[in-house]
Amino acid sequence: MTAPRLHVIPAIGCHKALVLRRGPTDQVASLLWDRDSGAVTLGQWLHGRIHEYRSDLSPDARHMIVFAGTGARWWTAISRAPWLTALSVRMQGDAWHGGGAFTPEGRIWLNGAEPLSDPPDGLRAAKVDAYPHATDGIHMGGLYLAMMGARGWTHAKGDAYQAELVKPVADGWQVILRFEIGQKNRALISNRYALMRSDGVEMPQPDWEWAEPWGGGLQLARDGALWFAKPGKDGLEELAQIHDFKGLKFVARPAPYVGVNR
């Protein structure tokens, strides 16, 4: 059985993260993960697709924005994390642009659209130029690169899918993030990671789907689970599992609030 694919979006202002678990292909679940305690809270499932590079979690982890669709229709939804039921929704007939992000101050920004005139739940709209507008988050406009920059990643070189981002780990180590198109058992666009030692030796990590420095080591996603590891002289040491997502199955769940009918 193929392990589910995981995409993790850490909040900028707290120790929580949004986990998007995809598998089978047309099913995705949204979950909220407390990176301190390891606790994971299931939100809702969607029969469809969520574009991870145009989705975001608010700095306080209270709200999220996702760009989702079923192939026939697409929408940008603002909701209370980790629930997918929209408090505000914008429909569109294709996957061109769409989605959005939160600024470090928690303002909501829409990709390829004018600012919201009536943001829900006390949220405030960001200026139209708060982030670069993009068709898929990476290819045109550099939206995803800007979002990662707000999370402390340095854009080292390259543009679009050839971009390379780096972030320090500990003891001179760095984690490197690149991108790949059409990788087997991954989304059309996927993250590709490597570790680099202080002496410049690079160690590719082809099975990682996400990684972020944490507590003198790394939190990472691979094989349908979240893990914690510390880099040692010859690679990773002290690999410990945080949470396994492989056993989850689709269950229709209502949100604990009233949303928008679409």
Protein backbone atom coordinates (compact mmCIF):
# COMPACT_ATOMS: atom_id res chain seq x y z
CA MET A 1 0.00 0.00 0.00
CA THR A 2 1.29 3.44 -0.95
CA ALA A 3 1.75 5.69 2.07
CA PRO A 4 -0.31 8.91 2.12
CA ARG A 5 1.43 12.08 1.01
CA LEU A 6 1.93 14.78 3.62
CA HIS A 7 2.33 18.53 3.18
CA VAL A 8 2.97 20.57 6.32
CA ILE A 9 2.41 24.33 6.71
CA PRO A 10 3.84 25.70 9.99
CA ALA A 11 2.27 28.79 11.55
CA ILE A 12 4.59 31.79 11.67
CA GLY A 13 3.59 32.96 15.14
CA CYS A 14 3.08 29.79 17.21
CA HIS A 15 4.11 26.15 17.52
CA LYS A 16 1.29 24.67 15.45
CA ALA A 17 1.11 23.49 11.87
CA LEU A 18 -1.48 22.49 9.29
CA VAL A 19 -1.04 18.98 7.89
CA LEU A 20 -2.66 18.13 4.55
CA ARG A 21 -2.83 14.35 4.19
CA ARG A 22 -3.54 13.13 0.65
CA GLY A 23 -4.43 9.55 -0.16
CA PRO A 24 -6.06 7.96 -2.04
CA THR A 25 -5.46 10.46 -4.85
CA ASP A 26 -8.90 12.11 -4.71
CA GLN A 27 -9.12 12.33 -0.92
CA VAL A 28 -7.41 14.83 1.38
CA ALA A 29 -7.72 15.41 5.11
CA SER A 30 -6.82 18.57 7.02
CA LEU A 31 -5.32 18.25 10.50
CA LEU A 32 -3.83 20.61 13.08
CA TRP A 33 -0.57 19.51 14.70
CA ASP A 34 0.86 20.89 17.94
CA ARG A 35 4.59 20.72 17.29
CA ASP A 36 5.39 20.99 21.02
CA SER A 37 3.17 18.23 22.39
CA GLY A 38 2.83 16.12 19.25
CA ALA A 39 -0.98 16.17 19.49
CA VAL A 40 -2.84 16.00 16.17
CA THR A 41 -6.47 17.13 15.70
CA LEU A 42 -8.45 15.92 12.69
CA GLY A 43 -10.52 18.51 10.84
CA GLN A 44 -12.37 17.38 7.73
CA TRP A 45 -11.98 15.32 4.59
CA LEU A 46 -12.46 16.51 1.02
CA HIS A 47 -13.23 14.46 -2.07
CA GLY A 48 -11.04 16.54 -4.33
CA ARG A 49 -7.68 18.28 -4.50
CA ILE A 50 -6.01 20.97 -2.40
CA HIS A 51 -3.18 22.97 -3.97
CA GLU A 52 -0.67 23.06 -1.14
CA TYR A 53 1.52 25.81 -2.55
CA ARG A 54 -1.41 28.26 -2.53
CA SER A 55 -2.73 27.38 0.94
CA ASP A 56 -1.69 28.78 4.30
CA LEU A 57 -2.20 28.76 8.07
CA SER A 58 -2.60 32.00 10.02
CA PRO A 59 0.23 33.03 12.40
CA ASP A 60 -1.94 32.17 15.44
CA ALA A 61 -3.15 28.91 13.81
CA ARG A 62 -6.80 29.93 14.23
CA HIS A 63 -7.63 30.24 10.54
CA MET A 64 -6.50 28.77 7.25
CA ILE A 65 -6.90 29.49 3.57
CA VAL A 66 -6.97 26.69 0.99
CA PHE A 67 -7.28 26.54 -2.75
CA ALA A 68 -9.32 23.44 -3.53
CA GLY A 69 -11.24 21.86 -6.38
CA THR A 70 -12.73 18.78 -7.95
CA GLY A 71 -11.57 19.35 -11.52
CA ALA A 72 -14.90 20.80 -12.61
CA ARG A 73 -14.87 23.71 -10.17
CA TRP A 74 -12.37 25.45 -7.93
CA TRP A 75 -12.59 27.67 -4.89
CA THR A 76 -10.57 29.67 -2.37
CA ALA A 77 -11.89 29.09 1.14
CA ILE A 78 -11.13 30.83 4.42
CA SER A 79 -12.05 28.67 7.41
CA ARG A 80 -11.24 27.94 11.06
CA ALA A 81 -8.30 25.57 11.29
CA PRO A 82 -8.30 22.65 10.84
CA TRP A 83 -11.81 22.64 9.32
CA LEU A 84 -12.43 22.91 5.57
CA THR A 85 -15.95 24.35 5.85
CA ALA A 86 -15.67 27.87 4.43
CA LEU A 87 -16.49 31.03 6.35
CA SER A 88 -15.79 32.94 3.14
CA VAL A 89 -15.45 31.44 -0.34
CA ARG A 90 -14.57 32.64 -3.83
CA MET A 91 -15.51 30.36 -6.70
CA GLN A 92 -13.73 30.19 -10.03
CA GLY A 93 -14.02 28.12 -13.18
CA ASP A 94 -10.38 27.04 -13.47
CA ALA A 95 -7.17 26.60 -11.46
CA TRP A 96 -5.52 29.79 -12.77
CA HIS A 97 -4.38 31.82 -9.75
CA GLY A 98 -6.58 31.27 -6.65
CA GLY A 99 -5.68 30.58 -3.05
CA GLY A 100 -3.81 33.00 -0.85
CA ALA A 101 -1.68 33.54 2.22
CA PHE A 102 -1.47 35.28 5.59
CA THR A 103 0.98 38.07 6.21
CA PRO A 104 3.18 37.82 9.34
CA GLU A 105 0.70 40.22 10.96
CA GLY A 106 -2.18 37.83 10.21
CA ARG A 107 -3.82 39.76 7.38
CA ILE A 108 -5.47 37.73 4.62
CA TRP A 109 -4.14 38.06 1.06
CA LEU A 110 -5.78 36.61 -2.05
CA ASN A 111 -3.77 35.37 -5.02
CA GLY A 112 -4.84 36.92 -8.31
CA ALA A 113 -7.74 38.83 -6.73
CA GLU A 114 -8.59 42.12 -5.09
CA PRO A 115 -8.55 42.25 -1.26
CA LEU A 116 -11.63 40.99 0.57
CA SER A 117 -14.07 43.77 1.41
CA ASP A 118 -15.65 41.80 4.26
CA PRO A 119 -13.20 39.29 5.79
CA PRO A 120 -14.86 36.85 8.22
CA ASP A 121 -14.19 36.27 11.92
CA GLY A 122 -12.57 39.65 12.53
CA LEU A 123 -9.79 39.02 10.01
CA ARG A 124 -8.35 41.96 8.10
CA ALA A 125 -7.40 42.18 4.44
CA ALA A 126 -3.80 42.66 3.32
CA LYS A 127 -2.74 45.01 0.55
CA VAL A 128 -2.99 43.59 -2.95
CA ASP A 129 0.82 43.62 -3.32
CA ALA A 130 1.63 41.95 0.04
CA TYR A 131 2.82 38.85 -1.86
CA PRO A 132 3.66 38.23 -5.53
CA HIS A 133 0.72 36.82 -7.46
CA ALA A 134 1.32 33.39 -9.01
CA THR A 135 -0.42 30.79 -11.14
CA ASP A 136 0.75 27.77 -9.15
CA GLY A 137 2.73 29.26 -6.28
CA ILE A 138 6.16 28.67 -7.83
CA HIS A 139 6.17 28.90 -11.65
CA MET A 140 4.96 32.48 -12.13
CA GLY A 141 5.23 35.07 -9.38
CA GLY A 142 7.19 33.32 -6.66
CA LEU A 143 4.34 33.19 -4.12
CA TYR A 144 5.58 30.04 -2.37
CA LEU A 145 9.15 31.35 -2.20
CA ALA A 146 7.88 34.53 -0.51
CA MET A 147 5.79 32.52 1.96
CA MET A 148 8.84 30.41 2.85
CA GLY A 149 10.92 33.57 3.23
CA ALA A 150 8.45 34.72 5.89
CA ARG A 151 9.24 31.46 7.70
CA GLY A 152 12.97 32.07 7.80
CA TRP A 153 14.10 30.26 4.65
CA THR A 154 16.73 31.96 2.47
CA HIS A 155 16.25 31.95 -1.29
CA ALA A 156 19.80 30.91 -2.22
CA LYS A 157 19.54 30.72 -6.00
CA GLY A 158 17.37 29.90 -9.00
CA ASP A 159 13.84 30.82 -9.96
CA ALA A 160 10.53 28.97 -10.33
CA TYR A 161 11.01 25.18 -10.11
CA GLN A 162 14.82 25.60 -10.16
CA ALA A 163 14.79 27.62 -6.92
CA GLU A 164 16.86 26.50 -3.95
CA LEU A 165 16.02 27.46 -0.35
CA VAL A 166 18.21 26.88 2.70
CA LYS A 167 17.76 27.06 6.47
CA PRO A 168 20.28 26.43 9.29
CA VAL A 169 19.69 23.44 11.56
CA ALA A 170 22.39 23.15 14.27
CA ASP A 171 26.15 22.67 14.58
CA GLY A 172 26.77 24.13 11.12
CA TRP A 173 24.30 21.85 9.35
CA GLN A 174 21.80 23.20 6.83
CA VAL A 175 18.66 21.79 5.26
CA ILE A 176 18.19 22.46 1.54
CA LEU A 177 14.82 22.61 -0.22
CA ARG A 178 14.46 22.19 -3.98
CA PHE A 179 11.48 21.31 -6.19
CA GLU A 180 10.69 18.55 -8.62
CA ILE A 181 7.97 17.96 -11.21
CA GLY A 182 6.39 14.56 -11.80
CA GLN A 183 8.26 12.63 -9.10
CA LYS A 184 6.91 9.08 -8.61
CA ASN A 185 4.30 8.74 -5.82
CA ARG A 186 4.34 12.51 -5.22
CA ALA A 187 2.18 15.44 -6.27
CA LEU A 188 2.80 17.08 -9.67
CA ILE A 189 5.05 19.59 -7.89
CA SER A 190 6.85 18.24 -4.83
CA ASN A 191 9.52 19.25 -2.34
CA ARG A 192 12.94 17.62 -2.52
CA TYR A 193 15.25 17.92 0.50
CA ALA A 194 18.91 17.44 1.34
CA LEU A 195 21.09 17.92 4.41
CA MET A 196 24.43 19.69 4.08
CA ARG A 197 27.19 19.27 6.64
CA SER A 198 29.36 22.14 7.83
CA ASP A 199 32.13 20.95 5.46
CA GLY A 200 29.79 21.33 2.46
CA VAL A 201 29.07 17.63 1.94
CA GLU A 202 25.47 17.22 0.79
CA MET A 203 23.29 14.26 1.78
CA PRO A 204 20.14 13.88 -0.36
CA GLN A 205 16.96 12.83 1.47
CA PRO A 206 14.72 11.61 -1.40
CA ASP A 207 11.98 10.21 0.86
CA TRP A 208 11.38 13.45 2.81
CA GLU A 209 8.23 15.37 1.87
CA TRP A 210 8.71 18.17 4.41
CA ALA A 211 11.38 19.21 6.89
CA GLU A 212 11.90 22.13 9.30
CA PRO A 213 14.57 22.78 11.95
CA TRP A 214 13.25 22.17 15.46
CA GLY A 215 14.81 21.78 18.90
CA GLY A 216 18.39 21.37 17.74
CA GLY A 217 17.31 18.88 15.10
CA LEU A 218 14.62 18.46 12.46
CA GLN A 219 10.96 17.62 12.28
CA LEU A 220 10.19 15.90 9.00
CA ALA A 221 7.54 13.99 7.05
CA ARG A 222 8.23 10.72 5.29
CA ASP A 223 6.46 7.40 4.70
CA GLY A 224 3.08 8.81 5.78
CA ALA A 225 4.32 9.89 9.23
CA LEU A 226 5.94 12.79 11.10
CA TRP A 227 9.37 12.26 12.69
CA PHE A 228 12.01 14.01 14.77
CA ALA A 229 15.70 13.52 14.03
CA LYS A 230 19.06 15.02 14.88
CA PRO A 231 21.91 15.22 12.38
CA GLY A 232 25.11 13.50 13.44
CA LYS A 233 28.55 13.10 11.93
CA ASP A 234 27.45 10.57 9.31
CA GLY A 235 23.80 11.53 8.85
CA LEU A 236 20.65 11.36 10.93
CA GLU A 237 20.64 10.10 14.50
CA GLU A 238 17.91 9.57 17.10
CA LEU A 239 15.08 9.19 14.56
CA ALA A 240 11.79 9.06 16.50
CA GLN A 241 8.25 8.90 15.16
CA ILE A 242 5.85 11.67 16.22
CA HIS A 243 2.62 10.62 14.49
CA ASP A 244 1.59 8.05 11.86
CA PHE A 245 -1.17 9.08 9.42
CA LYS A 246 -1.43 5.84 7.42
CA GLY A 247 -4.45 4.42 9.26
CA LEU A 248 -6.83 7.31 8.56
CA LYS A 249 -9.87 6.68 6.37
CA PHE A 250 -12.42 9.06 4.88
CA VAL A 251 -15.26 9.93 7.25
CA ALA A 252 -17.68 12.80 6.59
CA ARG A 253 -17.53 15.18 9.56
CA PRO A 254 -19.45 18.43 10.10
CA ALA A 255 -17.57 21.51 11.22
CA PRO A 256 -18.42 22.84 14.71
CA TYR A 257 -19.69 26.09 13.15
CA VAL A 258 -22.00 27.26 10.37
CA GLY A 259 -20.27 27.80 7.05
CA VAL A 260 -21.04 29.01 3.54
CA ASN A 261 -23.12 26.91 1.16
CA ARG A 262 -21.46 26.69 -2.23
